[in-house]
Amino acid sequence: MRSESEKPLVVLPLTPDEFQQMESAVLDTDAGEALRLLKKFVKRLKEQKNRGLKSHLG
């Protein structure tokens, strides 16, 4: 259970293709592919966060 003082959860929507790629990388223990996907997802989360900040400035 989360307390109110904790940071809000962040949701990263995945396409079915991205989920399949992620699942494949995990099952195949393909570290290079897993890292590539992780970098892609982190970049998307940062972009999502920045869009949220911009909407509060206007």
Protein backbone atom coordinates (compact mmCIF):
# COMPACT_ATOMS: atom_id res chain seq x y z
CA MET A 1 0.00 0.00 0.00
CA ARG A 2 1.33 3.43 -0.95
CA SER A 3 1.41 6.38 1.41
CA GLU A 4 0.39 9.82 0.19
CA SER A 5 3.95 11.13 0.67
CA GLU A 6 5.30 8.81 -2.05
CA LYS A 7 5.80 10.05 -5.59
CA PRO A 8 3.00 9.28 -8.06
CA LEU A 9 3.27 6.20 -10.22
CA VAL A 10 4.41 6.63 -13.81
CA VAL A 11 2.72 4.64 -16.56
CA LEU A 12 4.52 3.70 -19.75
CA PRO A 13 2.15 2.56 -22.48
CA LEU A 14 3.60 -0.23 -24.61
CA THR A 15 2.50 -1.34 -28.02
CA PRO A 16 1.91 -5.06 -28.48
CA ASP A 17 5.05 -5.15 -30.64
CA GLU A 18 7.15 -3.50 -27.91
CA PHE A 19 5.83 -5.94 -25.33
CA GLN A 20 6.72 -8.84 -27.61
CA GLN A 21 10.23 -7.43 -28.16
CA MET A 22 10.69 -7.02 -24.40
CA GLU A 23 9.43 -10.53 -23.69
CA SER A 24 11.68 -11.98 -26.38
CA ALA A 25 14.76 -10.17 -25.01
CA VAL A 26 14.05 -11.51 -21.53
CA LEU A 27 13.37 -15.09 -22.65
CA ASP A 28 16.44 -15.14 -24.92
CA THR A 29 18.54 -13.42 -22.23
CA ASP A 30 19.63 -10.95 -24.91
CA ALA A 31 21.27 -8.28 -22.76
CA GLY A 32 22.03 -5.98 -25.69
CA GLU A 33 18.43 -5.94 -26.88
CA ALA A 34 17.12 -5.54 -23.33
CA LEU A 35 19.39 -2.52 -22.82
CA ARG A 36 18.30 -0.99 -26.13
CA LEU A 37 14.64 -1.34 -25.17
CA LEU A 38 15.27 0.05 -21.69
CA LYS A 39 17.00 3.12 -23.14
CA LYS A 40 14.06 3.60 -25.54
CA PHE A 41 11.54 3.40 -22.69
CA VAL A 42 13.53 5.76 -20.43
CA LYS A 43 13.75 8.29 -23.26
CA ARG A 44 9.98 8.06 -23.79
CA LEU A 45 9.33 8.55 -20.06
CA LYS A 46 11.55 11.65 -20.00
CA GLU A 47 9.74 13.07 -23.03
CA GLN A 48 6.40 12.32 -21.38
CA LYS A 49 7.53 14.08 -18.20
CA ASN A 50 8.75 17.13 -20.13
CA ARG A 51 5.44 17.41 -21.99
CA GLY A 52 3.68 17.45 -18.63
CA LEU A 53 5.90 20.23 -17.34
CA LYS A 54 5.34 22.34 -20.45
CA SER A 55 1.56 22.07 -20.06
CA HIS A 56 1.81 23.63 -16.58
CA LEU A 57 3.86 26.60 -17.80
CA GLY A 58 1.30 27.95 -20.26
